[in-house]
Amino acid sequence: MNKLLSTLVFTLGLATADASAFAQDPIKIGYIGDFTGVAGALAEDQYQGFQLFLDQHDGKLGGYSVQILKEDSQWKPEVASQLVEKLIEKDKVPIITGITGSNIMMAVHGPITEKKVFLISSGAGPSPVAGKNCSPYAFYTARQANQISEVVGRYASGKYKNVMILAANYQAGKDVAAGFKRTFDGTIIEENYTALTQPDFSAEISQIQVAAPDAVFVFFPPALGINFARQYYQAGLTSTIPLLTTGFLDDQTLPSLKEAAVGLHVGEFWMSAVDTPASKALLDAFKKKFNRMPAAYAAAGYDSAVLLDAAIRRVNGNVSDQEAFRAALKEGADGSIRGKLRFNNNNFPIQSMYVFEAAKDGNDYAMKLTEAFPDQQDSYHQDCPLK
């Protein structure tokens, strides 16, 4: 009997030691962002939102230590593919998060999810991965790309009879243009897709002056979008042909655009004008830590950490139990800047979308909330075979 008791005590001791060792081992998480290139400001915003949550929780997620392996995809799909291979094959990460550009997502979605590594995107949400190519291993804490323009199309309907569209010629540009066209009830008189490397828009602005539409809808990555808005303003068009946009105008870029942005309307799932306790808490904490205003990518980055925190806690740190961890992610999370982060069948958020206007109040510039559209689902979820 004494021998049996000793064996049981020894076995229980080993089990306790193993559990303790597992709890202390850091969970490896790969982080990929386009820190250099035209989307660099977005990627930095995105990462800082993620890092803010970690700093608030002693570098832990779900109460467990994590090791963040940060990588720069440089806005280059081939670089991103190499990084994914390294993170999965060499570093053995069970989770990859970040992903800024849609061109990057299209390159890495398959290689990540086919290896049954969990992908938590806090940036890109292109249409192909929202529909028939959706994956049970991919979750999104920003928005599907079409959503930010669909609300602008709804806002513009009844206000303008005809609109001209300009967008960058890549996946996100095409998605965003399609979203606007889907919901705008007027006439699209012309569409123009420009190169991702094009900094000068004088030819396109001349075309706008000749066409004289009721309004113009544009989508460009931030660096290019800022160039376009300044050139549009310098041409004297801001006061005569309203500019509708999404993607580059937010609380982060408004201070650099100033007068060139006043009067522009933009669609997004979050900006500082969203008046909720969670939104205000994020805004105050981010400004205190980074001494600047956050943009929507910071909110999505923060929420990616909120989601991982909740899911890792639900599985007691055992992210290797893939079915349990997938179910834990699917439950969403409280504490999101949206209040409750909840997912559609394709693992994209069901959430409020907004239209904001850049305004001037005395010497200050701010984004004002113009219109809210609650409980928005993306337009591709019905094509996703997931339940």
Protein backbone atom coordinates (compact mmCIF):
# COMPACT_ATOMS: atom_id res chain seq x y z
CA MET A 1 0.00 0.00 0.00
CA ASN A 2 2.80 2.40 0.93
CA LYS A 3 4.51 1.63 -2.36
CA LEU A 4 1.28 2.32 -4.26
CA LEU A 5 0.77 5.62 -2.45
CA SER A 6 4.35 6.64 -3.20
CA THR A 7 3.83 5.83 -6.88
CA LEU A 8 0.63 7.89 -6.98
CA VAL A 9 2.28 10.83 -5.26
CA PHE A 10 5.23 10.64 -7.69
CA THR A 11 2.88 10.45 -10.71
CA LEU A 12 0.79 13.38 -9.51
CA GLY A 13 3.97 15.33 -8.92
CA LEU A 14 5.10 14.72 -12.48
CA ALA A 15 1.71 15.77 -13.83
CA THR A 16 1.80 18.95 -11.78
CA ALA A 17 5.35 19.67 -12.91
CA ASP A 18 4.41 19.07 -16.56
CA ALA A 19 1.40 21.37 -16.30
CA SER A 20 3.51 24.02 -14.62
CA ALA A 21 6.18 23.76 -17.29
CA PHE A 22 3.57 24.04 -20.02
CA ALA A 23 2.05 27.13 -18.42
CA GLN A 24 5.46 28.80 -18.21
CA ASP A 25 6.52 28.08 -21.77
CA PRO A 26 5.84 31.13 -23.96
CA ILE A 27 3.30 30.65 -26.72
CA LYS A 28 4.95 31.61 -30.00
CA ILE A 29 3.00 34.05 -32.17
CA GLY A 30 4.24 35.22 -35.55
CA TYR A 31 3.47 38.84 -36.40
CA ILE A 32 3.67 39.98 -40.05
CA GLY A 33 3.15 43.61 -41.04
CA ASP A 34 4.05 45.83 -44.02
CA PHE A 35 6.25 48.10 -41.93
CA THR A 36 8.10 49.45 -44.97
CA GLY A 37 6.29 50.51 -48.13
CA VAL A 38 3.16 52.53 -48.90
CA ALA A 39 1.22 50.93 -46.01
CA GLY A 40 3.92 51.47 -43.39
CA ALA A 41 1.84 53.90 -41.30
CA LEU A 42 -1.06 51.45 -41.19
CA ALA A 43 1.19 48.55 -40.19
CA GLU A 44 2.79 50.53 -37.38
CA ASP A 45 -0.63 51.64 -36.13
CA GLN A 46 -1.84 48.05 -36.29
CA TYR A 47 1.14 46.69 -34.37
CA GLN A 48 1.02 49.40 -31.71
CA GLY A 49 -2.62 48.59 -30.99
CA PHE A 50 -1.66 44.94 -30.53
CA GLN A 51 1.32 45.87 -28.37
CA LEU A 52 -0.78 48.20 -26.22
CA PHE A 53 -2.93 45.31 -25.05
CA LEU A 54 0.15 43.22 -24.27
CA ASP A 55 1.66 46.06 -22.27
CA GLN A 56 -1.57 46.38 -20.30
CA HIS A 57 -1.43 42.68 -19.44
CA ASP A 58 2.24 42.22 -18.53
CA GLY A 59 3.11 40.78 -21.93
CA LYS A 60 0.66 37.91 -21.52
CA LEU A 61 -2.38 36.65 -23.40
CA GLY A 62 -4.97 34.64 -21.54
CA GLY A 63 -2.67 34.76 -18.53
CA TYR A 64 0.12 32.95 -20.42
CA SER A 65 3.47 34.29 -21.52
CA VAL A 66 3.84 34.83 -25.26
CA GLN A 67 6.79 35.32 -27.58
CA ILE A 68 6.03 37.68 -30.47
CA LEU A 69 8.14 37.07 -33.57
CA LYS A 70 7.76 40.33 -35.50
CA GLU A 71 8.47 40.34 -39.26
CA ASP A 72 8.32 42.98 -42.01
CA SER A 73 6.72 41.82 -45.28
CA GLN A 74 7.68 45.14 -46.94
CA TRP A 75 4.44 45.25 -49.01
CA LYS A 76 5.96 42.43 -51.08
CA PRO A 77 3.97 39.16 -51.45
CA GLU A 78 7.11 37.13 -52.18
CA VAL A 79 8.75 38.37 -48.99
CA ALA A 80 5.62 37.57 -47.00
CA SER A 81 5.57 34.03 -48.38
CA GLN A 82 9.17 33.48 -47.28
CA LEU A 83 8.38 34.81 -43.82
CA VAL A 84 5.41 32.49 -43.46
CA GLU A 85 7.56 29.49 -44.37
CA LYS A 86 10.17 30.54 -41.79
CA LEU A 87 7.63 31.12 -39.04
CA ILE A 88 5.87 27.80 -39.62
CA GLU A 89 8.73 25.47 -40.53
CA LYS A 90 11.58 26.90 -38.44
CA ASP A 91 9.94 28.78 -35.59
CA LYS A 92 7.01 26.35 -35.25
CA VAL A 93 4.44 29.04 -34.51
CA PRO A 94 0.82 27.88 -34.02
CA ILE A 95 -0.55 31.39 -34.64
CA ILE A 96 0.23 34.18 -37.11
CA THR A 97 -1.36 37.61 -36.80
CA GLY A 98 -1.04 41.08 -38.33
CA ILE A 99 -1.22 41.13 -42.18
CA THR A 100 -1.73 44.67 -43.44
CA GLY A 101 -2.29 44.59 -47.21
CA SER A 102 -4.75 42.53 -49.25
CA ASN A 103 -1.96 41.69 -51.70
CA ILE A 104 -0.08 40.13 -48.78
CA MET A 105 -3.14 38.26 -47.52
CA MET A 106 -3.74 36.72 -50.95
CA ALA A 107 -0.16 35.40 -50.91
CA VAL A 108 -0.15 33.96 -47.38
CA HIS A 109 -3.72 32.86 -46.61
CA GLY A 110 -3.38 29.44 -48.25
CA PRO A 111 0.15 28.61 -47.02
CA ILE A 112 -0.87 29.45 -43.44
CA THR A 113 -4.32 27.87 -43.19
CA GLU A 114 -3.46 24.76 -45.22
CA LYS A 115 -0.83 24.00 -42.58
CA LYS A 116 -3.57 24.37 -39.95
CA VAL A 117 -1.82 27.35 -38.42
CA PHE A 118 -4.27 29.92 -37.07
CA LEU A 119 -4.36 33.24 -38.90
CA ILE A 120 -5.73 36.26 -37.02
CA SER A 121 -5.84 39.17 -39.47
CA SER A 122 -6.08 42.61 -37.93
CA GLY A 123 -5.80 44.36 -41.29
CA ALA A 124 -6.53 42.78 -44.64
CA GLY A 125 -9.90 41.22 -45.46
CA PRO A 126 -10.10 40.61 -49.23
CA SER A 127 -13.25 39.17 -50.78
CA PRO A 128 -11.85 35.79 -51.97
CA VAL A 129 -11.08 34.66 -48.40
CA ALA A 130 -14.47 35.86 -47.17
CA GLY A 131 -16.39 33.71 -49.65
CA LYS A 132 -15.69 30.29 -51.10
CA ASN A 133 -12.04 30.30 -49.97
CA CYS A 134 -12.85 30.95 -46.31
CA SER A 135 -11.05 28.83 -43.75
CA PRO A 136 -11.90 27.59 -40.24
CA TYR A 137 -8.34 28.59 -39.30
CA ALA A 138 -8.64 32.26 -40.30
CA PHE A 139 -10.31 35.00 -38.23
CA TYR A 140 -10.53 38.75 -38.86
CA THR A 141 -10.70 41.61 -36.38
CA ALA A 142 -10.88 44.57 -38.80
CA ARG A 143 -13.46 44.31 -41.61
CA GLN A 144 -14.02 42.79 -45.00
CA ALA A 145 -12.64 45.29 -47.53
CA ASN A 146 -15.95 45.93 -49.29
CA GLN A 147 -17.68 46.98 -46.07
CA ILE A 148 -15.85 50.29 -45.73
CA SER A 149 -17.06 51.39 -49.17
CA GLU A 150 -20.52 49.87 -49.04
CA VAL A 151 -21.46 52.30 -46.27
CA VAL A 152 -20.12 55.21 -48.34
CA GLY A 153 -22.26 54.01 -51.27
CA ARG A 154 -25.31 53.96 -49.01
CA TYR A 155 -24.45 57.42 -47.72
CA ALA A 156 -24.02 58.79 -51.27
CA SER A 157 -27.28 57.30 -52.55
CA GLY A 158 -29.89 60.00 -53.01
CA LYS A 159 -27.27 62.74 -52.56
CA TYR A 160 -25.44 62.38 -55.88
CA LYS A 161 -26.75 61.30 -59.28
CA ASN A 162 -23.40 60.29 -60.73
CA VAL A 163 -19.98 59.45 -59.33
CA MET A 164 -16.51 58.82 -60.76
CA ILE A 165 -14.36 56.10 -59.13
CA LEU A 166 -10.57 56.03 -58.76
CA ALA A 167 -8.75 53.23 -56.96
CA ALA A 168 -5.36 51.56 -56.72
CA ASN A 169 -5.06 48.58 -59.03
CA TYR A 170 -4.77 45.67 -56.57
CA GLN A 171 -7.09 43.36 -54.65
CA ALA A 172 -8.19 45.88 -52.02
CA GLY A 173 -8.74 48.59 -54.64
CA LYS A 174 -10.99 46.33 -56.68
CA ASP A 175 -12.86 45.13 -53.58
CA VAL A 176 -13.46 48.64 -52.31
CA ALA A 177 -14.66 49.88 -55.71
CA ALA A 178 -17.00 46.88 -55.96
CA GLY A 179 -18.41 47.65 -52.52
CA PHE A 180 -19.26 51.22 -53.45
CA LYS A 181 -20.87 50.15 -56.73
CA ARG A 182 -22.91 47.50 -54.92
CA THR A 183 -24.75 50.01 -52.72
CA PHE A 184 -24.71 53.29 -54.68
CA ASP A 185 -28.03 53.81 -56.45
CA GLY A 186 -26.78 56.40 -58.94
CA THR A 187 -24.63 56.16 -62.08
CA ILE A 188 -20.91 55.36 -62.19
CA ILE A 189 -19.74 57.46 -65.12
CA GLU A 190 -16.13 56.25 -65.13
CA GLU A 191 -13.70 53.96 -63.27
CA ASN A 192 -9.93 54.39 -63.26
CA TYR A 193 -7.45 52.00 -61.60
CA THR A 194 -3.95 53.37 -61.03
CA ALA A 195 -0.60 51.68 -60.31
CA LEU A 196 0.39 51.11 -56.68
CA THR A 197 3.62 53.00 -57.35
CA GLN A 198 1.98 56.10 -58.85
CA PRO A 199 2.53 59.26 -56.75
CA ASP A 200 1.26 61.86 -59.24
CA PHE A 201 -2.43 62.12 -60.11
CA SER A 202 -2.47 65.19 -62.33
CA ALA A 203 -3.79 63.21 -65.32
CA GLU A 204 -6.63 61.69 -63.28
CA ILE A 205 -7.50 65.08 -61.80
CA SER A 206 -7.69 66.55 -65.29
CA GLN A 207 -10.10 63.77 -66.25
CA ILE A 208 -12.26 64.64 -63.24
CA GLN A 209 -12.33 68.30 -64.24
CA VAL A 210 -13.48 67.35 -67.74
CA ALA A 211 -16.07 64.79 -66.60
CA ALA A 212 -17.44 67.07 -63.85
CA PRO A 213 -19.20 64.33 -61.84
CA ASP A 214 -21.44 65.11 -58.88
CA ALA A 215 -18.86 63.45 -56.62
CA VAL A 216 -15.69 61.34 -56.74
CA PHE A 217 -15.04 58.16 -54.76
CA VAL A 218 -11.38 57.16 -54.28
CA PHE A 219 -9.39 54.45 -52.52
CA PHE A 220 -5.61 54.42 -52.19
CA PRO A 221 -3.12 53.17 -49.57
CA PRO A 222 -2.25 56.01 -47.13
CA ALA A 223 0.89 57.45 -48.74
CA LEU A 224 -0.76 57.58 -52.17
CA GLY A 225 -4.10 58.71 -50.77
CA ILE A 226 -2.51 61.66 -49.02
CA ASN A 227 -0.81 62.67 -52.28
CA PHE A 228 -4.12 62.45 -54.13
CA ALA A 229 -6.05 64.48 -51.54
CA ARG A 230 -3.45 67.25 -51.56
CA GLN A 231 -3.39 67.41 -55.36
CA TYR A 232 -7.21 67.39 -55.47
CA TYR A 233 -7.29 70.29 -53.00
CA GLN A 234 -4.58 72.23 -54.85
CA ALA A 235 -6.59 71.88 -58.06
CA GLY A 236 -9.48 73.64 -56.33
CA LEU A 237 -11.82 70.64 -56.59
CA THR A 238 -12.52 69.98 -52.92
CA SER A 239 -15.02 72.83 -52.73
CA THR A 240 -16.74 72.05 -56.04
CA ILE A 241 -16.80 68.24 -56.44
CA PRO A 242 -17.25 66.38 -53.12
CA LEU A 243 -14.64 63.71 -52.42
CA LEU A 244 -15.77 60.43 -50.88
CA THR A 245 -13.14 57.99 -49.72
CA THR A 246 -11.97 55.27 -47.41
CA GLY A 247 -8.65 53.71 -46.53
CA PHE A 248 -6.34 56.71 -46.16
CA LEU A 249 -8.20 59.42 -44.22
CA ASP A 250 -8.47 58.93 -40.48
CA ASP A 251 -7.42 60.42 -37.14
CA GLN A 252 -3.79 59.56 -37.90
CA THR A 253 -3.52 61.17 -41.36
CA LEU A 254 -5.86 64.13 -40.80
CA PRO A 255 -3.19 66.24 -39.03
CA SER A 256 -0.96 66.06 -42.11
CA LEU A 257 -3.77 66.85 -44.55
CA LYS A 258 -5.52 69.60 -42.56
CA GLU A 259 -7.46 71.90 -44.92
CA ALA A 260 -7.03 69.48 -47.82
CA ALA A 261 -9.21 66.98 -45.96
CA VAL A 262 -12.00 69.23 -44.70
CA GLY A 263 -15.36 68.12 -46.07
CA LEU A 264 -14.17 64.65 -47.15
CA HIS A 265 -16.40 61.73 -46.13
CA VAL A 266 -14.92 58.34 -45.27
CA GLY A 267 -16.27 54.91 -44.33
CA GLU A 268 -14.73 52.81 -41.54
CA PHE A 269 -15.62 50.55 -38.59
CA TRP A 270 -13.96 52.81 -36.00
CA MET A 271 -12.52 56.24 -35.41
CA SER A 272 -12.12 58.39 -32.33
CA ALA A 273 -15.59 59.89 -32.88
CA VAL A 274 -17.24 56.57 -31.91
CA ASP A 275 -18.63 57.51 -28.50
CA THR A 276 -18.52 54.36 -26.36
CA PRO A 277 -16.67 53.62 -23.09
CA ALA A 278 -14.44 50.99 -24.75
CA SER A 279 -13.60 53.36 -27.59
CA LYS A 280 -12.72 56.17 -25.21
CA ALA A 281 -10.58 53.83 -23.10
CA LEU A 282 -8.56 52.75 -26.14
CA LEU A 283 -8.19 56.34 -27.30
CA ASP A 284 -6.93 57.56 -23.91
CA ALA A 285 -4.51 54.66 -23.42
CA PHE A 286 -3.10 54.87 -26.94
CA LYS A 287 -2.55 58.65 -26.76
CA LYS A 288 -0.86 58.30 -23.38
CA LYS A 289 1.54 55.60 -24.59
CA PHE A 290 2.29 56.74 -28.14
CA ASN A 291 1.56 60.48 -27.91
CA ARG A 292 -0.64 60.50 -31.01
CA MET A 293 -4.10 59.58 -32.23
CA PRO A 294 -4.79 55.97 -33.20
CA ALA A 295 -6.50 54.96 -36.43
CA ALA A 296 -8.82 52.04 -37.19
CA TYR A 297 -5.86 49.70 -37.71
CA ALA A 298 -4.81 50.30 -34.11
CA ALA A 299 -8.31 49.37 -32.96
CA ALA A 300 -8.21 46.17 -35.04
CA GLY A 301 -4.74 45.35 -33.75
CA TYR A 302 -5.92 45.86 -30.19
CA ASP A 303 -8.95 43.65 -30.79
CA SER A 304 -6.78 40.88 -32.24
CA ALA A 305 -5.04 40.73 -28.87
CA VAL A 306 -8.41 40.89 -27.08
CA LEU A 307 -9.55 37.88 -29.13
CA LEU A 308 -6.38 35.87 -28.56
CA ASP A 309 -6.47 36.70 -24.86
CA ALA A 310 -10.02 35.32 -24.51
CA ALA A 311 -9.41 32.23 -26.66
CA ILE A 312 -6.10 31.26 -25.02
CA ARG A 313 -7.70 31.58 -21.60
CA ARG A 314 -10.61 29.34 -22.66
CA VAL A 315 -8.22 26.51 -23.64
CA ASN A 316 -5.97 27.05 -20.61
CA GLY A 317 -3.05 27.90 -22.87
CA ASN A 318 -3.28 24.67 -24.87
CA VAL A 319 -3.39 26.14 -28.38
CA SER A 320 -2.18 22.82 -29.78
CA ASP A 321 -5.72 21.46 -29.30
CA GLN A 322 -6.77 22.91 -32.64
CA GLU A 323 -10.47 22.07 -32.49
CA ALA A 324 -10.85 23.48 -29.00
CA PHE A 325 -8.86 26.60 -29.89
CA ARG A 326 -10.88 27.16 -33.07
CA ALA A 327 -14.09 26.93 -31.06
CA ALA A 328 -12.62 29.33 -28.49
CA LEU A 329 -11.82 31.88 -31.19
CA LYS A 330 -15.28 31.50 -32.73
CA GLU A 331 -16.87 32.52 -29.42
CA GLY A 332 -15.46 36.01 -29.97
CA ALA A 333 -14.63 38.22 -27.03
CA ASP A 334 -15.91 40.84 -24.65
CA GLY A 335 -13.74 43.89 -24.10
CA SER A 336 -13.54 44.71 -27.81
CA ILE A 337 -13.73 48.34 -28.90
CA ARG A 338 -17.00 47.15 -30.47
CA GLY A 339 -18.23 45.97 -27.08
CA LYS A 340 -18.64 42.31 -28.05
CA LEU A 341 -16.52 40.93 -30.87
CA ARG A 342 -18.77 38.47 -32.72
CA PHE A 343 -18.20 36.55 -35.91
CA ASN A 344 -20.24 35.57 -38.94
CA ASN A 345 -20.05 32.05 -40.41
CA ASN A 346 -16.95 33.10 -42.43
CA ASN A 347 -15.17 34.41 -39.30
CA PHE A 348 -15.48 38.07 -40.30
CA PRO A 349 -17.00 40.44 -37.72
CA ILE A 350 -20.65 41.42 -37.64
CA GLN A 351 -20.36 45.05 -36.57
CA SER A 352 -21.46 48.63 -36.92
CA MET A 353 -19.99 50.58 -39.82
CA TYR A 354 -19.81 54.37 -39.95
CA VAL A 355 -19.38 57.34 -42.26
CA PHE A 356 -17.20 60.14 -40.87
CA GLU A 357 -16.52 63.67 -42.09
CA ALA A 358 -13.26 65.58 -41.71
CA ALA A 359 -14.12 68.93 -40.11
CA LYS A 360 -12.44 72.01 -38.74
CA ASP A 361 -13.36 73.52 -35.38
CA GLY A 362 -11.39 76.71 -34.82
CA ASN A 363 -7.75 75.73 -35.22
CA ASP A 364 -8.40 72.03 -34.66
CA TYR A 365 -9.24 69.27 -37.13
CA ALA A 366 -11.30 66.23 -36.22
CA MET A 367 -13.26 63.35 -37.70
CA LYS A 368 -16.98 63.75 -36.99
CA LEU A 369 -19.44 60.87 -37.08
CA THR A 370 -21.98 61.50 -39.85
CA GLU A 371 -24.00 58.29 -40.06
CA ALA A 372 -24.04 54.85 -38.41
CA PHE A 373 -25.05 51.52 -39.95
CA PRO A 374 -25.45 48.87 -37.20
CA ASP A 375 -25.06 45.08 -37.47
CA GLN A 376 -23.42 45.00 -40.88
CA GLN A 377 -22.50 41.65 -42.45
CA ASP A 378 -20.07 41.39 -45.34
CA SER A 379 -21.43 40.57 -48.79
CA TYR A 380 -19.58 37.28 -49.27
CA HIS A 381 -20.41 35.28 -46.14
CA GLN A 382 -23.18 33.36 -47.92
CA ASP A 383 -20.56 31.90 -50.30
CA CYS A 384 -18.52 30.49 -47.39
CA PRO A 385 -19.26 26.80 -46.70
CA LEU A 386 -18.53 27.16 -42.97
CA LYS A 387 -21.46 27.05 -40.57
